[in-house]
Amino acid sequence: MSRLQHFGWFFGRGFGPQGWGRPDYRWNYAWQRPDVYQQSARELEQAGFDLLIAEDALSLGSPQTLGLRVDSAYGGPKHDPLLLAPYLFAATTHLGITPTVNAGAYPPYLAARQFATLQHLSSNRFGINVVTDVKSARHFGLPELSHDAAYDRAEEWLGVIRRLWHSWGEGTYLHDVESGRFADASQLDAFEHRGEYFDLDGPLNALPFDDGSGDPVVVSPGGSDRGLAFAGRQSDVQLALAPLDPARVRAYREKIHQEALGQGRDPRDISVLFVIKPEIVSSDDEVDRVVRASEHPTDDVLIAVLAAQSSDLETDLTVLDLDRPIGPGVFAQHVSQGTINNLVGAAGDIETDTLRQIATRKARKGRLADGSGLVGTASQFADFVEGLGESADNDGFIINGDLHPVTLHRMLDETVPELRRRGILRTSFGGGGLRANLRDF
């Protein structure tokens, strides 16, 4: 029997038009309403997933990318996933809900209070996916920071939020009905924070968390050295992007664990979950058909691939010459190195490979069975997951896709029974909230 791994779903389009651009959209789910998300969240919980992460982008991007993002709904419109969270909590019992939050957009005191409220309302199932997007700063009247400075700000932001969460120290909350004494104000931490990026005072006007529940879970993406260091110091879950062979999975996890050890943390307290978008098909013959069909992509296919990549890169790749290298200086300094690496590929070179070569590699599909790609049957996907668990001690995976019932069923209908048959996917929850989910095994 294989060991259990953790699974989550990355709601990749964000709180936007689910299924747009595919026949799925004609199921006529109203993406602006909570129903489609609630239905999907219930099914993820039934499937034994630990958490649901909602992507977000506050901005529609630069003037150069507005048409790219809006015309095909690649990057907008989007509603605020933080406000969707209560609807998802109401529809589920165990599933953790983790909206994306921008450390530059939410003032720390307001963020600490909102997050504490959601942790209480959800019985400890709330988390935050902390991002450091800086191009949105102009919408908030804030200065644009460099990549590393944005991480510095996020570290200060999270540090002061945690101090606010704990400003009701042990012995402050009494709840003594007989004496009529609700709390002991002398135990409150009325601190003053004067930092590089934030000035504010405590204590927080919110109750401390229940004994044993802990703070809301912190999730982080990021493949740069600075991003990995942030994860080692601050995160409970790292959204990992890396080539998925045992040696590289082990190396990636080791970087996170070394950062954690350097901060006096137990590496076992960080779940490194690799983001993956498998294409599950019904048979080996269908695998062959899908892979062969992708081998010689047309220019139209290449442009569609580049359009899909352009949103996260905040750069319209579709207007560049397909037969020239992208070259240095095209991407803004703040763009995640992990996102750039994901575009170029492990063997690629942004300075020498033409855009056509890069897009062709992205368009081509490979087989799960031989490690060349992500197209496979449910059994082959289970082989892949099981293999990384045994050879690289992998913690688990985050599956990326729309939060739409058709997408969920296409990926999970056959994979869930197969994963459970092998003992890889949980069949029940221990209780206690999201942090407990992550530490059940």
Protein backbone atom coordinates (compact mmCIF):
# COMPACT_ATOMS: atom_id res chain seq x y z
CA MET A 1 0.00 0.00 0.00
CA SER A 2 1.43 3.42 -1.00
CA ARG A 3 1.53 6.29 1.46
CA LEU A 4 -1.03 9.07 1.48
CA GLN A 5 -0.34 12.36 -0.30
CA HIS A 6 -2.10 15.71 -0.07
CA PHE A 7 -4.18 17.12 -2.92
CA GLY A 8 -5.54 20.56 -3.60
CA TRP A 9 -7.21 22.41 -6.46
CA PHE A 10 -5.88 25.68 -7.86
CA PHE A 11 -8.84 27.66 -9.12
CA GLY A 12 -6.68 28.93 -11.97
CA ARG A 13 -9.00 31.40 -13.68
CA GLY A 14 -9.83 33.04 -10.38
CA PHE A 15 -13.30 34.30 -9.52
CA GLY A 16 -14.02 34.88 -13.21
CA PRO A 17 -15.83 33.30 -16.19
CA GLN A 18 -15.38 29.56 -15.61
CA GLY A 19 -15.36 27.49 -18.79
CA TRP A 20 -15.02 30.47 -21.12
CA GLY A 21 -13.58 29.51 -24.50
CA ARG A 22 -14.75 25.89 -24.24
CA PRO A 23 -18.07 24.14 -24.87
CA ASP A 24 -18.33 23.75 -21.06
CA TYR A 25 -19.46 27.38 -20.82
CA ARG A 26 -22.75 26.43 -22.45
CA TRP A 27 -23.76 24.56 -19.32
CA ASN A 28 -24.93 28.08 -18.41
CA TYR A 29 -23.48 28.30 -14.91
CA ALA A 30 -23.52 31.93 -13.81
CA TRP A 31 -19.92 32.59 -12.82
CA GLN A 32 -20.93 35.76 -10.96
CA ARG A 33 -23.08 33.69 -8.55
CA PRO A 34 -21.76 31.37 -5.81
CA ASP A 35 -23.65 28.24 -6.93
CA VAL A 36 -21.11 26.83 -9.41
CA TYR A 37 -18.26 27.31 -6.94
CA GLN A 38 -20.24 25.80 -4.06
CA GLN A 39 -21.15 22.76 -6.15
CA SER A 40 -17.52 22.28 -7.18
CA ALA A 41 -16.20 22.77 -3.64
CA ARG A 42 -18.57 20.10 -2.30
CA GLU A 43 -17.29 17.67 -4.91
CA LEU A 44 -13.65 18.43 -4.11
CA GLU A 45 -14.36 17.70 -0.47
CA GLN A 46 -16.10 14.46 -1.45
CA ALA A 47 -12.97 13.62 -3.44
CA GLY A 48 -10.78 14.02 -0.34
CA PHE A 49 -8.97 17.22 -1.35
CA ASP A 50 -7.43 19.18 1.50
CA LEU A 51 -7.70 22.68 0.12
CA LEU A 52 -8.98 24.93 -2.63
CA ILE A 53 -6.79 27.87 -3.67
CA ALA A 54 -8.39 30.75 -5.55
CA GLU A 55 -6.09 32.63 -7.92
CA ASP A 56 -6.51 36.38 -8.17
CA ALA A 57 -5.15 39.34 -10.09
CA LEU A 58 -6.27 42.72 -8.85
CA SER A 59 -5.39 44.52 -12.04
CA LEU A 60 -6.36 44.04 -15.65
CA GLY A 61 -2.74 44.74 -16.43
CA SER A 62 -0.93 47.42 -18.36
CA PRO A 63 -2.59 49.36 -21.18
CA GLN A 64 -0.70 47.08 -23.60
CA THR A 65 -2.32 43.91 -22.19
CA LEU A 66 -5.89 45.13 -21.59
CA GLY A 67 -7.21 43.73 -24.85
CA LEU A 68 -5.35 40.46 -24.42
CA ARG A 69 -6.78 39.91 -20.95
CA VAL A 70 -10.33 41.10 -21.43
CA ASP A 71 -11.16 40.07 -25.01
CA SER A 72 -10.61 36.39 -24.25
CA ALA A 73 -11.09 36.55 -20.45
CA TYR A 74 -7.54 35.33 -19.81
CA GLY A 75 -6.94 37.73 -16.92
CA GLY A 76 -10.28 39.40 -16.27
CA PRO A 77 -12.87 40.19 -15.29
CA LYS A 78 -12.55 38.88 -11.74
CA HIS A 79 -14.38 39.38 -8.48
CA ASP A 80 -12.64 39.32 -5.11
CA PRO A 81 -12.09 35.69 -3.96
CA LEU A 82 -11.85 36.77 -0.33
CA LEU A 83 -15.57 37.60 -0.45
CA LEU A 84 -16.37 34.23 -2.05
CA ALA A 85 -14.80 32.31 0.84
CA PRO A 86 -17.82 32.45 3.23
CA TYR A 87 -20.07 30.94 0.55
CA LEU A 88 -17.63 28.06 0.09
CA PHE A 89 -17.35 27.50 3.83
CA ALA A 90 -21.15 27.33 4.03
CA ALA A 91 -21.19 24.58 1.39
CA THR A 92 -18.47 22.39 2.95
CA THR A 93 -17.33 20.94 6.28
CA HIS A 94 -13.65 19.99 5.96
CA LEU A 95 -12.24 21.62 2.82
CA GLY A 96 -9.74 24.44 3.40
CA ILE A 97 -10.38 27.64 1.44
CA THR A 98 -7.40 29.79 0.53
CA PRO A 99 -8.01 33.00 -1.45
CA THR A 100 -5.10 34.85 -3.00
CA VAL A 101 -4.24 38.11 -1.22
CA ASN A 102 -1.79 40.78 -2.32
CA ALA A 103 0.45 41.88 0.52
CA GLY A 104 0.58 45.41 -0.91
CA ALA A 105 -3.16 45.90 -1.29
CA TYR A 106 -4.56 44.96 2.13
CA PRO A 107 -3.48 47.19 5.05
CA PRO A 108 -2.16 44.87 7.79
CA TYR A 109 -4.67 45.77 10.52
CA LEU A 110 -7.66 45.38 8.19
CA ALA A 111 -6.20 42.15 6.78
CA ALA A 112 -5.53 40.69 10.23
CA ARG A 113 -9.09 41.41 11.33
CA GLN A 114 -10.72 40.06 8.17
CA PHE A 115 -8.58 36.92 8.18
CA ALA A 116 -9.22 36.29 11.88
CA THR A 117 -12.94 36.64 11.27
CA LEU A 118 -12.87 34.09 8.45
CA GLN A 119 -10.79 31.69 10.54
CA HIS A 120 -13.44 31.82 13.28
CA LEU A 121 -16.41 31.59 10.91
CA SER A 122 -14.94 28.57 9.12
CA SER A 123 -13.91 26.55 12.18
CA ASN A 124 -10.23 27.02 11.33
CA ARG A 125 -10.41 26.19 7.60
CA PHE A 126 -9.11 29.51 6.27
CA GLY A 127 -5.79 30.21 4.58
CA ILE A 128 -4.17 32.97 2.54
CA ASN A 129 -2.18 32.55 -0.67
CA VAL A 130 0.25 35.45 -0.30
CA VAL A 131 1.46 37.09 -3.52
CA THR A 132 3.68 40.10 -4.08
CA ASP A 133 2.36 41.50 -7.37
CA VAL A 134 3.65 45.07 -7.63
CA LYS A 135 2.13 46.26 -10.92
CA SER A 136 -1.24 46.65 -9.19
CA ALA A 137 0.26 49.31 -6.93
CA ARG A 138 -0.89 52.13 -9.20
CA HIS A 139 -4.52 51.25 -8.47
CA PHE A 140 -3.95 51.86 -4.75
CA GLY A 141 -1.78 54.96 -4.88
CA LEU A 142 1.28 52.96 -3.79
CA PRO A 143 4.81 53.06 -5.21
CA GLU A 144 5.92 50.20 -7.43
CA LEU A 145 8.61 48.11 -5.74
CA SER A 146 11.34 45.88 -7.05
CA HIS A 147 10.91 42.10 -6.90
CA ASP A 148 12.97 41.68 -3.72
CA ALA A 149 11.55 44.79 -2.04
CA ALA A 150 8.05 43.43 -2.60
CA TYR A 151 9.07 40.31 -0.67
CA ASP A 152 10.56 42.51 2.07
CA ARG A 153 7.22 44.29 2.34
CA ALA A 154 5.36 40.98 2.43
CA GLU A 155 7.59 39.72 5.26
CA GLU A 156 6.90 42.86 7.31
CA TRP A 157 3.18 42.68 6.46
CA LEU A 158 2.88 39.07 7.55
CA GLY A 159 4.97 39.62 10.66
CA VAL A 160 2.79 42.44 11.93
CA ILE A 161 -0.39 40.53 11.04
CA ARG A 162 0.81 37.63 13.17
CA ARG A 163 1.60 39.99 16.05
CA LEU A 164 -1.91 41.42 15.77
CA TRP A 165 -3.41 37.90 15.79
CA HIS A 166 -1.54 37.22 19.01
CA SER A 167 -2.09 40.61 20.64
CA TRP A 168 -4.65 38.91 22.86
CA GLY A 169 -2.10 37.03 24.91
CA GLU A 170 -2.62 33.98 27.08
CA GLY A 171 -5.02 34.83 29.87
CA THR A 172 -6.61 37.81 28.11
CA TYR A 173 -9.83 36.12 27.02
CA LEU A 174 -11.63 34.98 30.18
CA HIS A 175 -15.28 34.48 29.17
CA ASP A 176 -16.21 34.16 32.86
CA VAL A 177 -20.00 34.32 32.79
CA GLU A 178 -20.36 34.00 36.56
CA SER A 179 -18.21 37.03 37.35
CA GLY A 180 -19.29 38.93 34.26
CA ARG A 181 -15.68 39.39 33.23
CA PHE A 182 -15.26 38.88 29.51
CA ALA A 183 -11.54 39.68 29.22
CA ASP A 184 -8.55 41.13 31.06
CA ALA A 185 -7.52 44.24 29.17
CA SER A 186 -4.23 44.45 31.08
CA GLN A 187 -3.01 41.41 29.15
CA LEU A 188 -3.52 42.97 25.72
CA ASP A 189 -0.43 43.80 23.64
CA ALA A 190 -1.02 47.46 22.74
CA PHE A 191 2.14 47.58 20.64
CA GLU A 192 3.26 50.30 18.25
CA HIS A 193 4.75 49.18 14.95
CA ARG A 194 6.89 51.65 13.02
CA GLY A 195 8.37 49.76 10.12
CA GLU A 196 9.87 50.38 6.70
CA TYR A 197 6.53 49.90 4.93
CA PHE A 198 3.81 50.04 7.61
CA ASP A 199 2.98 52.14 10.67
CA LEU A 200 0.17 50.92 12.93
CA ASP A 201 -0.81 50.19 16.49
CA GLY A 202 -2.20 47.11 18.23
CA PRO A 203 -4.02 45.38 19.75
CA LEU A 204 -6.38 43.74 17.27
CA ASN A 205 -10.12 44.11 17.76
CA ALA A 206 -10.76 40.39 17.24
CA LEU A 207 -10.72 37.34 19.47
CA PRO A 208 -7.71 35.02 19.59
CA PHE A 209 -8.01 31.66 17.90
CA ASP A 210 -9.26 28.57 19.69
CA ASP A 211 -6.66 26.53 21.54
CA GLY A 212 -4.87 24.23 19.15
CA SER A 213 -6.26 25.73 15.94
CA GLY A 214 -3.28 27.91 15.13
CA ASP A 215 -3.16 30.83 12.75
CA PRO A 216 -4.70 30.71 9.27
CA VAL A 217 -2.54 28.65 6.93
CA VAL A 218 -0.09 30.62 4.79
CA VAL A 219 0.40 29.48 1.19
CA SER A 220 2.97 31.00 -1.17
CA PRO A 221 4.05 30.58 -4.81
CA GLY A 222 7.36 31.75 -6.23
CA GLY A 223 10.36 30.04 -7.81
CA SER A 224 13.05 32.71 -7.33
CA ASP A 225 15.64 32.39 -4.59
CA ARG A 226 13.83 35.17 -2.73
CA GLY A 227 10.49 33.41 -3.13
CA LEU A 228 11.88 30.10 -1.88
CA ALA A 229 13.44 31.86 1.10
CA PHE A 230 10.07 33.46 1.89
CA ALA A 231 8.42 30.04 1.80
CA GLY A 232 11.02 28.54 4.12
CA ARG A 233 10.50 31.30 6.66
CA GLN A 234 6.80 31.98 6.40
CA SER A 235 4.73 29.36 4.59
CA ASP A 236 2.79 26.26 5.57
CA VAL A 237 2.25 25.30 1.91
CA GLN A 238 4.57 26.06 -1.00
CA LEU A 239 3.03 26.01 -4.49
CA ALA A 240 5.91 24.47 -6.38
CA LEU A 241 6.71 24.71 -10.09
CA ALA A 242 9.54 22.47 -11.25
CA PRO A 243 10.24 19.67 -13.73
CA LEU A 244 8.61 16.61 -12.21
CA ASP A 245 11.36 14.03 -12.16
CA PRO A 246 12.51 12.56 -8.84
CA ALA A 247 15.90 14.29 -8.72
CA ARG A 248 14.47 17.76 -9.32
CA VAL A 249 11.54 17.25 -6.96
CA ARG A 250 13.98 16.20 -4.22
CA ALA A 251 16.24 19.19 -4.96
CA TYR A 252 13.35 21.65 -4.87
CA ARG A 253 12.04 20.26 -1.58
CA GLU A 254 15.55 20.35 -0.12
CA LYS A 255 15.85 24.09 -0.86
CA ILE A 256 12.62 24.80 1.01
CA HIS A 257 13.61 22.55 3.90
CA GLN A 258 17.06 24.14 4.26
CA GLU A 259 15.47 27.59 4.42
CA ALA A 260 13.08 26.33 7.09
CA LEU A 261 15.89 24.80 9.15
CA GLY A 262 17.79 28.07 8.92
CA GLN A 263 14.85 29.79 10.60
CA GLY A 264 14.56 27.18 13.33
CA ARG A 265 11.47 25.64 11.77
CA ASP A 266 10.64 21.97 11.37
CA PRO A 267 10.64 21.22 7.61
CA ARG A 268 7.77 18.80 8.18
CA ASP A 269 5.58 21.82 8.90
CA ILE A 270 5.79 22.89 5.22
CA SER A 271 3.86 20.92 2.60
CA VAL A 272 5.55 21.29 -0.80
CA LEU A 273 2.77 20.69 -3.34
CA PHE A 274 3.62 20.70 -7.04
CA VAL A 275 1.17 22.45 -9.36
CA ILE A 276 0.13 20.20 -12.22
CA LYS A 277 -2.47 20.19 -15.01
CA PRO A 278 -2.91 16.60 -16.18
CA GLU A 279 -4.95 15.68 -19.25
CA ILE A 280 -6.81 12.51 -18.33
CA VAL A 281 -8.11 10.42 -21.25
CA SER A 282 -9.87 7.07 -21.51
CA SER A 283 -7.31 4.78 -23.17
CA ASP A 284 -3.78 4.33 -24.47
CA ASP A 285 -5.08 4.85 -28.00
CA GLU A 286 -6.51 8.22 -26.98
CA VAL A 287 -3.20 9.16 -25.38
CA ASP A 288 -1.45 8.43 -28.68
CA ARG A 289 -4.02 10.42 -30.66
CA VAL A 290 -3.74 13.51 -28.42
CA VAL A 291 0.06 13.44 -28.40
CA ARG A 292 0.36 12.98 -32.18
CA ALA A 293 -2.10 15.81 -32.82
CA SER A 294 0.14 18.20 -30.89
CA GLU A 295 3.40 17.40 -32.66
CA HIS A 296 3.11 19.94 -35.49
CA PRO A 297 1.28 22.99 -34.14
CA THR A 298 0.07 25.64 -36.57
CA ASP A 299 0.84 29.32 -36.09
CA ASP A 300 -2.72 29.81 -34.83
CA VAL A 301 -2.12 27.21 -32.14
CA LEU A 302 1.19 28.84 -31.21
CA ILE A 303 -0.46 32.26 -30.88
CA ALA A 304 -3.17 30.75 -28.67
CA VAL A 305 -0.49 29.18 -26.47
CA LEU A 306 1.34 32.50 -26.17
CA ALA A 307 -1.88 34.34 -25.38
CA ALA A 308 -2.52 31.97 -22.50
CA GLN A 309 1.02 32.53 -21.17
CA SER A 310 0.95 36.30 -21.61
CA SER A 311 -1.48 37.03 -18.79
CA ASP A 312 0.70 35.67 -15.97
CA LEU A 313 3.79 37.21 -17.56
CA GLU A 314 2.06 40.62 -17.91
CA THR A 315 3.60 40.81 -21.38
CA ASP A 316 1.81 40.42 -24.70
CA LEU A 317 3.88 37.71 -26.36
CA THR A 318 1.46 37.49 -29.30
CA VAL A 319 2.84 40.70 -30.85
CA LEU A 320 6.46 39.49 -30.85
CA ASP A 321 8.22 37.93 -33.84
CA LEU A 322 7.82 34.15 -33.65
CA ASP A 323 11.18 33.62 -35.33
CA ARG A 324 13.33 35.71 -32.99
CA PRO A 325 14.41 35.04 -29.40
CA ILE A 326 12.48 36.82 -26.67
CA GLY A 327 15.77 38.10 -25.30
CA PRO A 328 16.51 39.89 -22.04
CA GLY A 329 14.55 42.89 -20.81
CA VAL A 330 11.15 41.89 -22.20
CA PHE A 331 9.71 40.88 -18.83
CA ALA A 332 9.45 43.38 -16.00
CA GLN A 333 11.79 42.81 -13.08
CA HIS A 334 8.96 41.82 -10.74
CA VAL A 335 7.70 38.95 -12.93
CA SER A 336 8.18 35.63 -11.13
CA GLN A 337 11.22 33.69 -12.27
CA GLY A 338 9.17 30.54 -11.79
CA THR A 339 6.61 31.81 -14.31
CA ILE A 340 9.35 32.63 -16.83
CA ASN A 341 10.95 29.22 -16.31
CA ASN A 342 7.57 27.59 -16.84
CA LEU A 343 7.31 29.34 -20.22
CA VAL A 344 10.82 28.56 -21.43
CA GLY A 345 11.08 24.99 -20.13
CA ALA A 346 13.86 23.19 -18.33
CA ALA A 347 16.06 22.83 -21.42
CA GLY A 348 15.23 26.23 -22.92
CA ASP A 349 17.16 29.47 -23.13
CA ILE A 350 15.30 32.77 -23.32
CA GLU A 351 18.24 34.48 -25.06
CA THR A 352 18.85 31.95 -27.84
CA ASP A 353 15.62 30.02 -28.43
CA THR A 354 13.16 31.62 -30.81
CA LEU A 355 9.66 32.33 -29.61
CA ARG A 356 8.44 29.71 -32.10
CA GLN A 357 10.66 27.08 -30.47
CA ILE A 358 9.44 28.02 -27.01
CA ALA A 359 5.77 28.06 -28.03
CA THR A 360 6.14 24.78 -29.93
CA ARG A 361 7.52 23.10 -26.81
CA LYS A 362 4.56 24.46 -24.82
CA ALA A 363 2.08 23.27 -27.47
CA ARG A 364 3.47 19.76 -27.73
CA LYS A 365 2.07 17.20 -25.36
CA GLY A 366 3.78 14.16 -23.92
CA ARG A 367 2.86 10.97 -22.14
CA LEU A 368 2.61 10.47 -18.42
CA ALA A 369 3.65 6.87 -18.96
CA ASP A 370 7.16 7.79 -20.15
CA GLY A 371 7.57 11.06 -18.26
CA SER A 372 7.51 13.21 -21.40
CA GLY A 373 4.28 15.01 -20.53
CA LEU A 374 0.96 14.98 -18.70
CA VAL A 375 -1.41 13.12 -21.02
CA GLY A 376 -2.48 9.77 -19.67
CA THR A 377 -5.13 7.48 -18.31
CA ALA A 378 -6.26 7.54 -14.67
CA SER A 379 -4.07 4.52 -13.98
CA GLN A 380 -1.03 6.20 -15.55
CA PHE A 381 -1.64 9.35 -13.51
CA ALA A 382 -1.80 7.24 -10.36
CA ASP A 383 1.48 5.54 -11.38
CA PHE A 384 3.05 8.97 -11.77
CA VAL A 385 1.82 10.25 -8.39
CA GLU A 386 2.74 7.01 -6.63
CA GLY A 387 6.20 7.00 -8.19
CA LEU A 388 7.09 10.52 -7.00
CA GLY A 389 5.76 9.73 -3.54
CA GLU A 390 8.02 6.71 -3.25
CA SER A 391 11.14 7.96 -5.06
CA ALA A 392 11.13 11.64 -4.06
CA ASP A 393 9.09 11.56 -0.83
CA ASN A 394 6.68 13.99 -2.49
CA ASP A 395 4.06 15.66 -0.27
CA GLY A 396 1.40 15.90 -2.97
CA PHE A 397 -0.07 17.96 -5.80
CA ILE A 398 -2.20 20.97 -6.59
CA ILE A 399 -4.29 20.39 -9.72
CA ASN A 400 -4.79 23.51 -11.80
CA GLY A 401 -8.06 24.16 -13.64
CA ASP A 402 -11.32 26.05 -13.74
CA LEU A 403 -13.60 25.58 -10.76
CA HIS A 404 -16.28 24.13 -12.99
CA PRO A 405 -18.07 20.77 -12.60
CA VAL A 406 -17.15 19.64 -16.12
CA THR A 407 -13.45 20.31 -15.51
CA LEU A 408 -13.53 18.55 -12.15
CA HIS A 409 -15.27 15.47 -13.48
CA ARG A 410 -13.06 15.27 -16.55
CA MET A 411 -9.98 15.10 -14.33
CA LEU A 412 -11.30 13.29 -11.27
CA ASP A 413 -14.05 10.82 -12.17
CA GLU A 414 -11.62 7.97 -12.81
CA THR A 415 -8.54 9.24 -10.96
CA VAL A 416 -10.12 9.50 -7.50
CA PRO A 417 -11.15 5.81 -7.31
CA GLU A 418 -7.74 4.74 -8.65
CA LEU A 419 -5.79 6.91 -6.19
CA ARG A 420 -7.92 5.66 -3.33
CA ARG A 421 -7.57 2.04 -4.39
CA ARG A 422 -3.80 2.46 -4.07
CA GLY A 423 -3.98 4.27 -0.72
CA ILE A 424 -2.65 7.58 -2.07
CA LEU A 425 -5.76 9.77 -1.53
CA ARG A 426 -7.54 10.14 1.78
CA THR A 427 -10.99 8.67 2.31
CA SER A 428 -11.88 10.72 5.40
CA PHE A 429 -10.84 13.80 7.35
CA GLY A 430 -9.59 13.84 10.90
CA GLY A 431 -11.21 17.17 11.76
CA GLY A 432 -9.69 20.32 13.17
CA GLY A 433 -9.46 22.54 10.12
CA LEU A 434 -7.02 23.15 7.30
CA ARG A 435 -3.84 23.00 9.35
CA ALA A 436 -4.99 19.67 10.78
CA ASN A 437 -5.72 18.41 7.24
CA LEU A 438 -2.12 19.11 6.28
CA ARG A 439 -0.75 17.35 9.36
CA ASP A 440 -3.02 14.30 9.32
CA PHE A 441 -0.17 12.45 7.57
